[in-house]
Each structure stands twice: as C-alpha cells, then as structure tokens.
Protein backbone atom coordinates (compact mmCIF):
# COMPACT_ATOMS: atom_id res chain seq x y z
CA MET A 1 258.35 -23.16 51.22
CA GLU A 2 254.73 -23.25 50.01
CA LYS A 3 255.94 -22.87 46.40
CA LYS A 4 258.29 -25.83 46.81
CA LEU A 5 255.49 -27.94 48.29
CA SER A 6 253.23 -26.92 45.44
CA LEU A 7 255.80 -27.94 42.84
CA ARG A 8 256.38 -31.21 44.65
CA HIS A 9 252.65 -31.87 44.57
CA ILE A 10 252.50 -31.10 40.84
CA PHE A 11 255.26 -33.56 40.02
CA SER A 12 253.76 -36.29 42.21
CA SER A 13 250.10 -35.79 41.29
CA ASP A 14 248.06 -38.48 39.59
CA ILE A 15 248.17 -36.54 36.29
CA ALA A 16 251.95 -36.40 36.57
CA ILE A 17 252.22 -40.14 37.25
CA ILE A 18 250.11 -41.19 34.28
CA SER A 19 252.15 -38.73 32.21
CA TYR A 20 255.33 -40.55 33.30
CA LEU A 21 253.80 -43.86 32.25
CA ALA A 22 252.82 -42.38 28.89
CA LEU A 23 256.36 -41.10 28.41
CA GLY A 24 257.68 -44.55 29.31
CA LYS A 25 255.54 -46.01 26.53
CA LEU A 26 256.86 -43.36 24.12
CA PHE A 27 260.51 -43.96 24.95
CA LEU A 28 260.06 -47.74 24.69
CA HIS A 29 258.85 -47.53 21.11
CA LEU A 30 261.30 -44.85 20.05
CA ALA A 31 264.14 -46.96 21.47
CA VAL A 32 263.33 -49.90 19.18
CA ALA A 33 262.03 -47.90 16.20
CA GLY A 34 265.21 -48.45 14.18
CA ASN A 35 265.37 -52.20 14.69
CA TYR A 36 264.56 -54.68 11.92
CA GLY A 37 263.31 -52.92 8.78
CA TYR A 38 260.39 -51.13 7.14
CA PHE A 39 257.09 -52.92 7.55
CA ARG A 40 255.20 -53.95 4.39
CA ASP A 41 252.35 -51.52 5.06
CA GLU A 42 254.75 -48.68 5.84
CA LEU A 43 256.26 -48.98 2.36
CA TYR A 44 252.76 -48.94 0.90
CA TYR A 45 251.78 -45.91 2.99
CA ILE A 46 254.91 -44.07 1.85
CA SER A 47 253.80 -44.61 -1.73
CA CYS A 48 250.32 -43.39 -0.77
CA SER A 49 251.85 -40.25 0.75
CA LYS A 50 253.28 -39.48 -2.68
CA HIS A 51 249.74 -39.64 -4.11
CA LEU A 52 247.79 -37.51 -1.65
CA ALA A 53 244.05 -37.90 -2.16
CA LEU A 54 240.77 -37.89 -0.23
CA GLY A 55 240.77 -41.65 -0.10
CA TYR A 56 242.50 -44.93 -0.88
CA VAL A 57 241.19 -48.39 -1.70
CA ASP A 58 241.86 -49.89 1.73
CA HIS A 59 241.87 -46.91 4.09
CA PRO A 60 240.71 -43.29 4.49
CA PRO A 61 243.20 -40.43 4.02
CA LEU A 62 244.05 -38.98 7.46
CA SER A 63 246.89 -41.35 8.38
CA ILE A 64 248.48 -40.75 4.99
CA PHE A 65 248.35 -36.97 5.35
CA LEU A 66 250.01 -37.28 8.77
CA LEU A 67 252.69 -39.55 7.29
CA ALA A 68 253.32 -37.05 4.50
CA MET A 69 253.74 -34.38 7.19
CA ALA A 70 256.17 -36.55 9.15
CA ARG A 71 258.20 -37.29 6.02
CA PHE A 72 258.31 -33.59 5.10
CA LEU A 73 259.41 -32.55 8.59
CA PHE A 74 261.71 -35.41 9.62
CA GLY A 75 262.61 -37.46 6.56
CA ASP A 76 262.20 -41.14 5.72
CA SER A 77 264.16 -42.88 8.49
CA LEU A 78 262.45 -45.62 10.48
CA PHE A 79 262.51 -43.32 13.52
CA SER A 80 260.75 -40.55 11.56
CA ILE A 81 258.17 -42.83 9.98
CA ARG A 82 257.25 -44.37 13.33
CA LEU A 83 257.27 -41.19 15.42
CA PHE A 84 253.54 -40.46 15.12
CA SER A 85 252.58 -44.04 16.01
CA SER A 86 254.76 -43.82 19.11
CA LEU A 87 253.22 -40.48 20.09
CA ALA A 88 249.72 -41.87 19.52
CA GLY A 89 250.54 -44.85 21.74
CA ALA A 90 251.78 -42.60 24.53
CA SER A 91 248.68 -40.39 24.27
CA PHE A 92 246.50 -43.51 24.34
CA VAL A 93 248.07 -44.53 27.66
CA PHE A 94 247.49 -41.05 29.05
CA PHE A 95 243.81 -40.98 28.07
CA THR A 96 243.28 -44.45 29.54
CA GLY A 97 244.61 -43.17 32.85
CA LEU A 98 242.36 -40.11 32.60
CA ILE A 99 239.33 -42.33 31.95
CA ALA A 100 240.07 -44.42 35.05
CA ARG A 101 240.36 -41.16 36.98
CA GLU A 102 237.00 -39.91 35.66
CA LEU A 103 235.38 -43.20 36.65
CA GLY A 104 236.36 -42.44 40.25
CA GLY A 105 239.66 -44.32 40.39
CA LYS A 106 242.50 -43.19 42.61
CA ILE A 107 246.18 -43.41 41.76
CA PHE A 108 246.40 -47.23 41.92
CA SER A 109 243.58 -47.78 39.45
CA GLN A 110 245.02 -45.14 37.13
CA ILE A 111 248.41 -46.85 37.21
CA THR A 112 246.83 -50.27 36.72
CA ALA A 113 244.80 -49.08 33.74
CA CYS A 114 247.85 -47.48 32.13
CA VAL A 115 250.05 -50.51 32.75
CA SER A 116 247.35 -52.80 31.35
CA VAL A 117 247.50 -50.85 28.10
CA ILE A 118 251.31 -50.73 28.09
CA VAL A 119 251.73 -54.51 28.51
CA ALA A 120 248.91 -55.54 26.16
CA GLY A 121 250.51 -57.43 23.29
CA THR A 122 248.40 -56.01 20.48
CA TYR A 123 248.98 -52.42 21.59
CA LEU A 124 252.72 -53.04 21.86
CA SER A 125 252.81 -54.46 18.37
CA MET A 126 250.63 -51.85 16.67
CA ASN A 127 252.54 -48.93 18.16
CA SER A 128 255.88 -50.33 16.92
CA PHE A 129 255.32 -49.39 13.26
CA TYR A 130 253.32 -46.76 11.42
CA SER A 131 249.71 -47.60 10.69
CA MET A 132 246.24 -46.17 11.12
CA ASN A 133 245.64 -48.61 14.01
CA ALA A 134 247.75 -46.68 16.50
CA LEU A 135 245.77 -43.54 15.70
CA ASP A 136 242.51 -45.50 15.83
CA TYR A 137 243.06 -46.48 19.46
CA LEU A 138 243.65 -42.85 20.37
CA PHE A 139 240.46 -41.64 18.68
CA TRP A 140 238.41 -44.29 20.52
CA ALA A 141 239.95 -43.19 23.83
CA MET A 142 239.37 -39.49 23.15
CA GLY A 143 235.75 -40.16 22.19
CA THR A 144 235.20 -42.22 25.34
CA TYR A 145 236.70 -39.53 27.54
CA ILE A 146 234.41 -36.87 26.06
CA VAL A 147 231.30 -39.04 26.57
CA ILE A 148 232.26 -39.60 30.22
CA ARG A 149 232.62 -35.86 30.67
CA ILE A 150 229.17 -35.37 29.11
CA ILE A 151 227.68 -37.88 31.56
CA LYS A 152 229.39 -36.29 34.56
CA THR A 153 228.99 -32.60 33.74
CA HIS A 154 225.77 -32.66 31.67
CA ASP A 155 227.50 -30.22 29.33
CA ASP A 156 225.63 -31.11 26.15
CA LYS A 157 227.79 -28.85 23.99
CA LEU A 158 230.60 -31.37 24.40
CA TRP A 159 228.79 -33.46 21.78
CA MET A 160 230.31 -31.05 19.25
CA GLY A 161 233.79 -32.03 20.39
CA PHE A 162 232.74 -35.66 20.21
CA GLY A 163 231.60 -35.10 16.63
CA ILE A 164 234.99 -33.69 15.69
CA VAL A 165 236.76 -36.71 17.21
CA VAL A 166 234.43 -39.18 15.45
CA GLY A 167 234.78 -37.35 12.12
CA LEU A 168 238.57 -37.39 12.31
CA GLY A 169 238.48 -40.97 13.56
CA LEU A 170 236.45 -42.02 10.52
CA LEU A 171 238.92 -40.21 8.26
CA ASN A 172 241.58 -42.36 9.88
CA LYS A 173 239.91 -45.81 9.92
CA TYR A 174 236.42 -47.12 9.25
CA SER A 175 236.41 -49.10 12.50
CA MET A 176 235.37 -45.87 14.21
CA LEU A 177 231.94 -46.89 12.93
CA PHE A 178 232.07 -49.88 15.28
CA PHE A 179 232.62 -47.51 18.19
CA VAL A 180 229.66 -45.39 17.05
CA ALA A 181 227.46 -48.48 16.58
CA GLY A 182 228.31 -49.68 20.09
CA LEU A 183 227.69 -46.24 21.54
CA LEU A 184 224.29 -45.93 19.85
CA ALA A 185 223.33 -49.37 21.18
CA GLY A 186 224.57 -48.38 24.64
CA ILE A 187 222.52 -45.18 24.60
CA LEU A 188 219.44 -47.09 23.41
CA PHE A 189 219.76 -49.84 26.06
CA THR A 190 220.35 -47.52 29.02
CA SER A 191 218.80 -44.48 30.64
CA HIS A 192 220.90 -42.30 28.33
CA ARG A 193 218.38 -42.90 25.53
CA LYS A 194 217.09 -39.40 26.24
CA GLU A 195 220.16 -38.19 24.37
CA PHE A 196 218.34 -39.05 21.15
CA LEU A 197 216.14 -36.01 21.90
CA ASN A 198 219.15 -33.76 22.55
CA LYS A 199 219.83 -31.31 19.72
CA TRP A 200 223.53 -31.14 20.63
CA PHE A 201 223.81 -34.91 20.15
CA TRP A 202 222.57 -34.53 16.58
CA ILE A 203 224.71 -31.47 15.98
CA GLY A 204 227.72 -33.56 16.98
CA GLY A 205 226.63 -36.27 14.55
CA PHE A 206 226.25 -33.69 11.79
CA ILE A 207 229.75 -32.34 12.46
CA ALA A 208 231.16 -35.88 12.18
CA PHE A 209 229.29 -36.38 8.91
CA ILE A 210 230.57 -33.10 7.43
CA ILE A 211 234.16 -33.97 8.32
CA PHE A 212 233.80 -37.43 6.76
CA LEU A 213 231.81 -36.22 3.73
CA PRO A 214 234.79 -35.52 1.41
CA HIS A 215 235.85 -39.14 1.72
CA ILE A 216 232.30 -40.35 1.05
CA ILE A 217 232.27 -38.27 -2.13
CA TRP A 218 235.65 -39.77 -3.12
CA GLN A 219 234.22 -43.27 -2.61
CA ILE A 220 231.23 -42.47 -4.82
CA LEU A 221 233.38 -40.98 -7.58
CA ASN A 222 235.70 -44.01 -7.54
CA GLY A 223 233.04 -46.72 -7.50
CA TYR A 224 233.13 -47.58 -3.76
CA PRO A 225 236.51 -49.37 -3.88
CA SER A 226 236.70 -49.82 -0.09
CA LEU A 227 233.48 -51.83 -0.03
CA GLU A 228 234.87 -54.13 -2.71
CA PHE A 229 238.14 -54.44 -0.80
CA MET A 230 236.44 -55.33 2.49
CA ARG A 231 234.18 -57.88 0.82
CA ASN A 232 237.11 -59.58 -0.92
CA ALA A 233 239.27 -59.58 2.22
CA SER A 234 236.50 -61.21 4.23
CA GLN A 235 235.90 -63.89 1.58
CA TYR A 236 239.40 -64.71 0.38
CA LYS A 237 242.00 -63.39 2.83
CA ASN A 238 240.95 -63.53 6.48
CA LEU A 239 240.63 -66.87 8.26
CA ALA A 240 237.29 -67.56 9.92
CA MET A 241 237.36 -68.10 13.69
CA THR A 242 234.76 -69.53 16.03
CA PRO A 243 233.49 -67.18 18.77
CA LEU A 244 235.40 -69.23 21.35
CA SER A 245 238.69 -69.20 19.40
CA PHE A 246 238.26 -65.47 18.80
CA LEU A 247 237.71 -64.86 22.52
CA LEU A 248 240.67 -67.01 23.54
CA GLY A 249 242.75 -65.21 20.93
CA GLN A 250 241.91 -61.95 22.64
CA VAL A 251 243.05 -63.34 25.99
CA PHE A 252 246.46 -64.26 24.58
CA THR A 253 247.07 -61.31 22.26
CA MET A 254 246.05 -58.72 24.86
CA ASN A 255 248.27 -60.45 27.50
CA THR A 256 246.75 -63.19 29.65
CA ILE A 257 247.66 -61.37 32.86
CA THR A 258 245.23 -58.57 32.02
CA ALA A 259 242.22 -60.88 31.48
CA PRO A 260 240.95 -60.60 35.09
CA ILE A 261 241.10 -56.82 34.83
CA TRP A 262 238.95 -56.51 31.70
CA LEU A 263 236.54 -59.14 33.03
CA PHE A 264 236.25 -57.02 36.19
CA GLY A 265 235.65 -54.09 33.89
CA LEU A 266 232.66 -55.74 32.24
CA TYR A 267 231.28 -56.69 35.65
CA TYR A 268 231.71 -53.09 36.83
CA TYR A 269 229.62 -51.68 33.97
CA PHE A 270 226.80 -54.23 34.11
CA PHE A 271 226.49 -55.21 37.78
CA LYS A 272 227.94 -52.49 40.03
CA LYS A 273 225.78 -49.61 41.15
CA GLU A 274 228.57 -47.07 40.66
CA GLY A 275 229.08 -48.37 37.12
CA ARG A 276 225.44 -47.91 36.10
CA PRO A 277 225.85 -44.35 34.73
CA TYR A 278 228.59 -45.68 32.44
CA ARG A 279 226.90 -48.94 31.42
CA LEU A 280 226.76 -47.81 27.82
CA PHE A 281 230.53 -48.45 27.63
CA GLY A 282 229.91 -52.08 28.56
CA TRP A 283 227.49 -52.24 25.67
CA ILE A 284 230.12 -50.80 23.34
CA PHE A 285 232.41 -53.71 24.27
CA VAL A 286 229.67 -56.33 23.81
CA VAL A 287 228.26 -54.93 20.56
CA VAL A 288 231.69 -54.54 18.97
CA PHE A 289 232.54 -58.12 19.98
CA ILE A 290 229.38 -59.37 18.25
CA ILE A 291 230.27 -57.38 15.12
CA MET A 292 233.76 -58.87 15.13
CA ILE A 293 232.72 -62.53 15.38
CA THR A 294 230.06 -62.16 12.70
CA SER A 295 232.34 -60.46 10.16
CA LYS A 296 235.40 -62.78 10.12
CA ALA A 297 237.49 -60.05 11.76
CA LYS A 298 241.16 -60.44 12.59
CA LEU A 299 242.04 -60.58 16.27
CA TYR A 300 243.53 -57.10 16.39
CA TYR A 301 240.36 -55.51 15.00
CA PHE A 302 238.81 -55.83 18.47
CA ALA A 303 241.76 -54.26 20.27
CA PRO A 304 240.38 -50.68 20.36
CA ALA A 305 237.61 -51.77 22.74
CA PHE A 306 239.81 -53.10 25.54
CA PHE A 307 240.99 -49.88 27.14
CA ILE A 308 237.33 -49.22 28.05
CA VAL A 309 237.25 -52.28 30.32
CA PHE A 310 240.87 -51.93 31.45
CA ALA A 311 239.94 -48.58 33.01
CA SER A 312 236.75 -49.78 34.71
CA GLY A 313 238.33 -53.07 35.78
CA SER A 314 241.19 -51.21 37.42
CA VAL A 315 238.71 -49.03 39.32
CA LEU A 316 236.81 -52.09 40.60
CA LEU A 317 240.04 -53.88 41.57
CA GLU A 318 241.13 -50.84 43.57
CA LYS A 319 237.77 -50.69 45.36
CA LEU A 320 238.04 -54.37 46.28
CA LEU A 321 241.55 -53.94 47.66
CA ARG A 322 240.48 -50.94 49.72
CA LYS A 323 237.85 -53.07 51.45
CA ILE A 324 240.61 -55.02 53.21
CA ARG A 325 240.27 -54.29 56.92
CA TRP A 326 243.99 -53.88 57.66
CA ASN A 327 245.77 -51.02 55.99
CA TRP A 328 249.30 -52.39 55.80
CA PRO A 329 248.67 -55.12 53.14
CA LYS A 330 247.03 -52.69 50.72
CA PRO A 331 250.11 -50.93 49.31
CA ILE A 332 251.97 -54.25 49.24
CA LEU A 333 249.23 -55.97 47.26
CA MET A 334 248.92 -53.04 44.88
CA THR A 335 252.67 -53.00 44.29
CA VAL A 336 252.80 -56.76 43.75
CA ILE A 337 249.99 -56.63 41.17
CA THR A 338 251.76 -53.86 39.27
CA ILE A 339 255.09 -55.73 39.33
CA ILE A 340 253.45 -58.95 38.08
CA MET A 341 251.86 -57.08 35.17
CA ILE A 342 255.11 -55.38 34.21
CA THR A 343 257.05 -58.65 34.49
CA ARG A 344 254.57 -60.39 32.21
CA GLY A 345 254.81 -57.45 29.81
CA VAL A 346 258.59 -57.81 29.67
CA ASN A 347 258.12 -61.53 29.04
CA ILE A 348 255.91 -61.02 25.96
CA ALA A 349 257.65 -57.89 24.65
CA PRO A 350 260.05 -59.83 22.34
CA PHE A 351 256.98 -61.29 20.58
CA THR A 352 255.46 -57.88 19.91
CA ILE A 353 258.27 -55.34 19.40
CA PRO A 354 261.70 -55.76 17.76
CA VAL A 355 263.66 -55.66 20.99
CA LEU A 356 265.84 -58.73 20.27
CA THR A 357 268.00 -59.62 17.30
CA VAL A 358 266.28 -62.10 15.00
CA GLU A 359 268.57 -64.94 16.04
CA ASN A 360 267.95 -64.26 19.74
CA PHE A 361 264.21 -63.94 19.14
CA ILE A 362 264.07 -67.36 17.48
CA LYS A 363 265.94 -68.87 20.45
CA TYR A 364 263.65 -67.05 22.87
CA ALA A 365 260.50 -68.22 21.08
CA GLU A 366 261.78 -71.81 21.07
CA SER A 367 262.53 -71.63 24.79
CA LYS A 368 258.95 -70.48 25.41
CA LYS A 369 257.55 -73.06 22.97
CA ALA A 370 255.52 -70.22 21.47
CA ARG A 371 253.24 -70.70 18.51
CA THR A 372 252.00 -67.89 16.30
CA THR A 373 248.31 -67.70 15.45
CA ARG A 374 247.55 -67.28 11.74
CA GLU A 375 244.88 -64.72 10.86
CA GLU A 376 245.31 -64.87 7.07
CA VAL A 377 245.52 -67.69 4.53
CA HIS A 378 249.26 -67.15 4.02
CA GLU A 379 251.78 -69.56 5.53
CA LEU A 380 254.13 -68.15 8.15
CA GLY A 381 257.91 -68.47 8.24
CA VAL A 382 260.16 -68.67 11.29
CA LEU A 383 258.91 -65.27 12.50
CA PRO A 384 255.39 -64.02 13.24
CA GLN A 385 253.89 -62.04 10.37
CA HIS A 386 254.34 -58.60 11.92
CA PHE A 387 258.10 -59.29 12.07
CA SER A 388 258.43 -61.24 8.81
CA ASP A 389 256.96 -58.32 6.90
CA MET A 390 259.93 -56.19 7.96
CA PHE A 391 262.49 -58.28 6.07
CA GLY A 392 263.67 -58.75 2.51
CA TRP A 393 262.50 -55.51 0.94
CA GLU A 394 265.78 -53.72 0.26
CA LYS A 395 267.39 -56.93 -0.98
CA MET A 396 264.42 -57.37 -3.32
CA ALA A 397 264.90 -53.90 -4.77
CA ALA A 398 268.64 -54.50 -5.18
CA THR A 399 267.97 -57.76 -7.04
CA ILE A 400 265.52 -56.04 -9.38
CA ALA A 401 268.07 -53.27 -9.93
CA GLY A 402 270.67 -55.87 -10.88
CA VAL A 403 268.29 -57.24 -13.50
CA TYR A 404 267.46 -53.74 -14.75
CA THR A 405 271.14 -52.91 -15.38
CA THR A 406 271.45 -55.90 -17.74
CA LEU A 407 268.98 -54.32 -20.16
CA THR A 408 270.02 -52.17 -23.06
CA GLY A 409 269.50 -48.44 -22.91
CA GLU A 410 266.59 -48.69 -25.34
CA GLU A 411 264.98 -51.45 -23.27
CA ARG A 412 265.36 -49.47 -20.04
CA SER A 413 263.69 -46.42 -21.59
CA GLN A 414 260.38 -48.30 -21.95
CA CYS A 415 260.85 -50.94 -19.24
CA VAL A 416 258.00 -51.62 -16.83
CA ILE A 417 258.55 -53.29 -13.46
CA TYR A 418 255.43 -55.21 -12.45
CA ALA A 419 254.99 -56.25 -8.81
CA ARG A 420 252.34 -58.64 -7.49
CA ASN A 421 251.39 -56.80 -4.31
CA TYR A 422 251.65 -53.41 -2.66
CA GLY A 423 254.53 -54.51 -0.41
CA GLU A 424 256.72 -55.39 -3.38
CA ALA A 425 255.70 -52.29 -5.33
CA GLY A 426 256.22 -50.06 -2.30
CA ALA A 427 259.67 -51.55 -1.65
CA ILE A 428 260.81 -51.13 -5.26
CA ASN A 429 259.57 -47.54 -5.34
CA PHE A 430 261.17 -46.66 -2.00
CA PHE A 431 264.51 -48.44 -2.18
CA GLY A 432 264.73 -48.31 -5.97
CA GLU A 433 265.25 -44.56 -6.05
CA LYS A 434 268.95 -44.90 -5.26
CA TYR A 435 269.30 -47.47 -8.05
CA GLY A 436 267.57 -45.32 -10.64
CA LEU A 437 264.68 -47.75 -11.07
CA PRO A 438 261.44 -46.60 -12.71
CA ARG A 439 258.43 -46.76 -10.42
CA ALA A 440 256.87 -50.18 -10.16
CA ILE A 441 253.31 -50.67 -11.31
CA CYS A 442 250.91 -53.01 -9.57
CA GLY A 443 247.24 -53.92 -9.68
CA HIS A 444 246.96 -54.34 -5.91
CA ASN A 445 244.66 -51.91 -4.07
CA SER A 446 245.54 -48.22 -4.50
CA PHE A 447 248.40 -48.99 -6.89
CA TRP A 448 245.74 -49.97 -9.41
CA LEU A 449 244.08 -46.57 -9.06
CA TRP A 450 247.37 -44.85 -9.87
CA GLY A 451 247.48 -46.61 -13.23
CA PRO A 452 250.18 -48.19 -15.40
CA GLY A 453 251.95 -44.99 -16.39
CA ASN A 454 253.04 -44.13 -19.92
CA ARG A 455 255.77 -46.71 -20.55
CA THR A 456 254.96 -49.23 -23.26
CA GLY A 457 256.29 -52.23 -21.34
CA LYS A 458 257.90 -53.69 -24.48
CA THR A 459 260.36 -55.00 -21.94
CA THR A 460 258.84 -55.96 -18.58
CA ILE A 461 260.51 -57.14 -15.40
CA PHE A 462 257.89 -59.39 -13.82
CA ILE A 463 257.92 -60.68 -10.25
CA GLY A 464 256.40 -64.16 -10.44
CA ARG A 465 254.68 -66.53 -8.04
CA GLU A 466 256.61 -67.90 -5.10
CA SER A 467 258.43 -71.20 -5.67
CA ASN A 468 256.53 -71.87 -8.91
CA ILE A 469 258.74 -70.97 -11.84
CA LYS A 470 256.93 -73.18 -14.36
CA ARG A 471 253.47 -71.83 -13.60
CA SER A 472 254.70 -68.24 -13.73
CA TYR A 473 256.57 -68.94 -16.96
CA ASP A 474 253.57 -70.60 -18.61
CA ASP A 475 251.29 -67.72 -17.64
CA LEU A 476 253.67 -65.08 -18.97
CA LYS A 477 254.41 -67.00 -22.16
CA GLN A 478 250.78 -66.51 -23.19
CA HIS A 479 251.34 -62.75 -23.29
CA TYR A 480 254.99 -62.29 -24.29
CA ASP A 481 257.00 -63.53 -27.23
CA SER A 482 260.09 -63.94 -25.03
CA VAL A 483 260.12 -64.92 -21.35
CA GLU A 484 263.41 -65.41 -19.50
CA HIS A 485 263.88 -66.44 -15.88
CA VAL A 486 266.77 -64.23 -14.77
CA ALA A 487 266.81 -64.17 -10.96
CA THR A 488 265.20 -65.52 -7.80
CA LEU A 489 264.28 -63.35 -4.81
CA LYS A 490 265.48 -64.94 -1.59
CA CYS A 491 265.22 -63.87 2.03
CA ASN A 492 265.67 -65.77 5.26
CA TYR A 493 263.07 -64.20 7.50
CA CYS A 494 260.36 -62.77 5.24
CA MET A 495 256.91 -64.25 4.67
CA GLN A 496 257.00 -67.55 2.81
CA TYR A 497 255.25 -66.18 -0.26
CA GLU A 498 258.03 -63.58 -0.66
CA ASN A 499 260.84 -66.17 -0.57
CA ASN A 500 262.19 -68.10 -3.59
CA VAL A 501 260.20 -65.86 -5.92
CA PRO A 502 261.23 -65.96 -9.60
CA VAL A 503 261.95 -62.80 -11.57
CA PHE A 504 261.42 -62.74 -15.33
CA VAL A 505 262.43 -60.43 -18.14
CA CYS A 506 259.64 -60.46 -20.71
CA ARG A 507 259.86 -58.95 -24.18
CA ARG A 508 257.48 -58.13 -27.03
CA PRO A 509 254.03 -58.27 -25.38
CA ASN A 510 250.84 -59.02 -27.28
CA PHE A 511 248.90 -56.58 -25.12
CA SER A 512 249.10 -53.03 -23.75
CA PHE A 513 249.12 -52.24 -20.03
CA GLN A 514 247.25 -49.04 -20.75
CA LYS A 515 244.45 -50.79 -22.67
CA GLU A 516 244.19 -53.86 -20.45
CA TRP A 517 244.70 -52.20 -17.06
CA LEU A 518 241.16 -52.98 -15.88
CA HIS A 519 242.01 -56.69 -15.86
CA PHE A 520 244.93 -56.15 -13.48
CA LYS A 521 242.74 -54.85 -10.63
CA SER A 522 243.11 -56.75 -7.35
CA TYR A 523 241.29 -55.26 -4.35
CA ILE A 524 242.09 -57.56 -1.42
C-alpha cells in the first residue's frame, strides 16, 4: 500500500506536473512539424551542415553540428529537422517551471510559469522550425537555474557548470553575451558583487572562454565576418523601432495575456523583500532591454529574457492569491487564470505555428483583423514572414531544373547556377539533388565563404531581381554576350521578393567567377 501511495505521489508531484506540461509542448510542435514546408533558414542550415566548420558568417557552429547529427540519425524530413527545436522547447518549459519552484513557488506558480512560456507567441513560433533561437532560450534558462542554485546553496563550484552552459550557449548564438552582460550588471548593482572576488566565478568565466575560443580563432582567421554581418544587418536590413513601439511589440508578440505576469515579475525582483536575493535577474531583464532598443534589434531578439520574469511573476501572483481570507475561491481563481491563458494561447496559435491550412489561416486572420508587424525592410505577402518563408522553394528548384534540361550536354558540364540569397541557394541545393542539378553558388553570407567552385560558368543560370526583368537584363548584359529570359519564378504564398522573379540563361561571360569572387560578397 505504501509503495502504491509513493508511486501516486511521484506521478502527481510538482516535478511530474511540469514534466507533463513540457511533454505537451513537445507533442504540440511534433504534431505540426510536417505542415507547410521547409523554412528559408532551415534550407540554409542544411547547406551549412554539409560544410561543417568552427564558424559561419551569421552564426556560431553548435546548432549546425546538432543539425548534422539529426540529419545523420533521422534523415532530412521536416519532422527530423525540427526534432531538436521541439525538444529544446519542451526542456525550456521544464526549466522555467523549475526556476519558479526554486524561487519558492508552489504548484500553481509552476504551472502558471510553464503555461506562460507555452502560450507566448514568439516561443511558439521559434520552436516550430529549426534554428539556433530555440536552443538559445534553453541555454538562458539553464544558466539562470544554475545561478539561482548558487545563490540558494552557496555552492561556488557551480560556477564551473555555469561556465560550461555559457560557453556552449555562445557557440550556439552570440546573444548569450547579452545574458552575460545583464548578469554582470546585476551582480555589480546588488549585494552579489562579492562574487567578483570569488575564484570559482572567474574559473567559470575561463571555462566559458576556453569553450568559445575555437570560434574566436575562426573569426580571426576569416576576417571577423560576423561583425561585418551584424553591422550590415543593423544598417540596411532591420527596421528601427522606438522604445515604446519595441515595448508594445513585446506585449503583442509574447501574448498580451501574459503581460501582467511579467510585469509582476519585474516588481517581484525590485520591490519585494523575498525577491531581493534574486534582484540581479531583474537587472538582466532591464539591461538586455536597453541593449535591444539601442541596437535596432528585432522583436524576437528580446524573447530569451521573458521566462525570467514569467517565473517570478507567477510566484508573486500565487502569493497574492493565497492572501485571500477564504479558502474556497483560491482553487477556482487559479483554475480560471490558467484556462484564460490557455484559451488565449489557442487563439493566437494559428499566427505562430502551422496548425491551419493556408486558406483557413487567411480566413482566420481576416476574421481577427490581424496585422503583421514588419521587422525588416522587405514587403510582406498575404502571410506573416515566418510562414511565407516556408513556401515556394521546391517549385523554384523544379523551375530551375526545367531550364537546366534545355541546355546542351556541353553547356550543362560547365553550367553555374547563381542564386541571390541563401534561401534560394539552399533550396536549389536541397531539392535540386533529385533533379541532378549542380550546386548553386551564391555570394550571400556563408555561401560566399564556400566559393564559386571549379565550373567556368560559360553558361550561367541566373536568378534575377523580383518583378524587374529589364533591370536584371541590363545588369547581366554588361557581363555576358548573350542574355535570355527563359522563365519566371512564381509562388502564391512566399515573400514578395521571391515572387515573379525572372530567370535568365547567360552565355559567354567577360569575367571569371573564380577571379572576381570577392566582388560577389554580401554579408547581410
């Protein structure tokens, strides 16, 4: 009987419940993983995984090594490619619940914190396809959990574990530096500044540096391409936002229903006595926000900081509810709050994950009178960008293959396919394998590092500028003796700059890709 009671307790414990919520998050993303198509960045990352290195122009190497592992173990299906992002999202939910627990929260606050993460729009979106962002959130959460354990247990050796997490986090995405900057500010501005005299703190920092060092060396040897990329993206790609518009954007993209919770979370860290030992986490949120608004950051760049205040806000909300004199309204109020959050999450889910068919999504968006916020200079189509970038790629490769088959055998032997951006190049390289296409070359980001190959390009299939045949023709005519417009790339739901794009067959160039490759570089 005691064994049965013990098992019952295990399966109904707070750890078990946050595990169920994490599994729910996992199953949600796996259920929709095969919907729509491959995301633009996924096609690029697949190409990166075929060129394993210690760095890439626009990201560090860890996410690419994990993708290469996933492809080796499970293949190239959408389900396989997105498995690690789904697992990272589930783990992120679990660690958020653990953090609420460590802050003194009981089961309601743990559930609230987990649900806040599950229904947050940005988290839903970023866990629905493979990218370094899903892993980034997890590294932030793991680092936060370790710091809380250091504060509570005074076990200074845990700084070594923190160093490992930070080092791996930096190998995944540079935004881990924002977390470190916020943490250092939080330590400096609170009573934890004594940690600067702790040898284990510096040992942890050294471990992080050693883990990240190979990528630093790669950057040096390759002329610091990531710095050039980030500078160009800030100047020419990302749209500037005022601090107010950036803040309001966070309210909407993280789910408006969660705003009171993260505002409670900030209040908890800065104004509640029980939050004082953890005030440095409030500073992380504030410092990272300041970094974001001063660097023309996209809205989702700030997303990794929210779980910190979701956890503390949930703890404060639970404490407020427990102050109610009568006991009977408490479970009712807690249940109602959870149901409202889940209902709102269901309401916004079609905008963040591919749960509806495209036609039904368009109808749903029209019924909600929803408008998509632009974060880049590109014009949007009928779908938000994170959906639009999942369409048109295989059709593009098939169109290029149709052009390629019209060439003579001699022309095909030296033919070069030139794509304008890494999405197009990644799509041609991925889907083109079954058509026997040569690999596309491209000057965009890491494709430029991989070079033009050995083909002469005496015959070149060029993807031109969107909806501007004359301009593309005039540009190409300066470099080729013969330029022929042979096809137009069309897609209904892709980004506007990928629709109505002319394709040219160009012959007899007056230049060499190999000699002029430097001029094709585009880091943005």
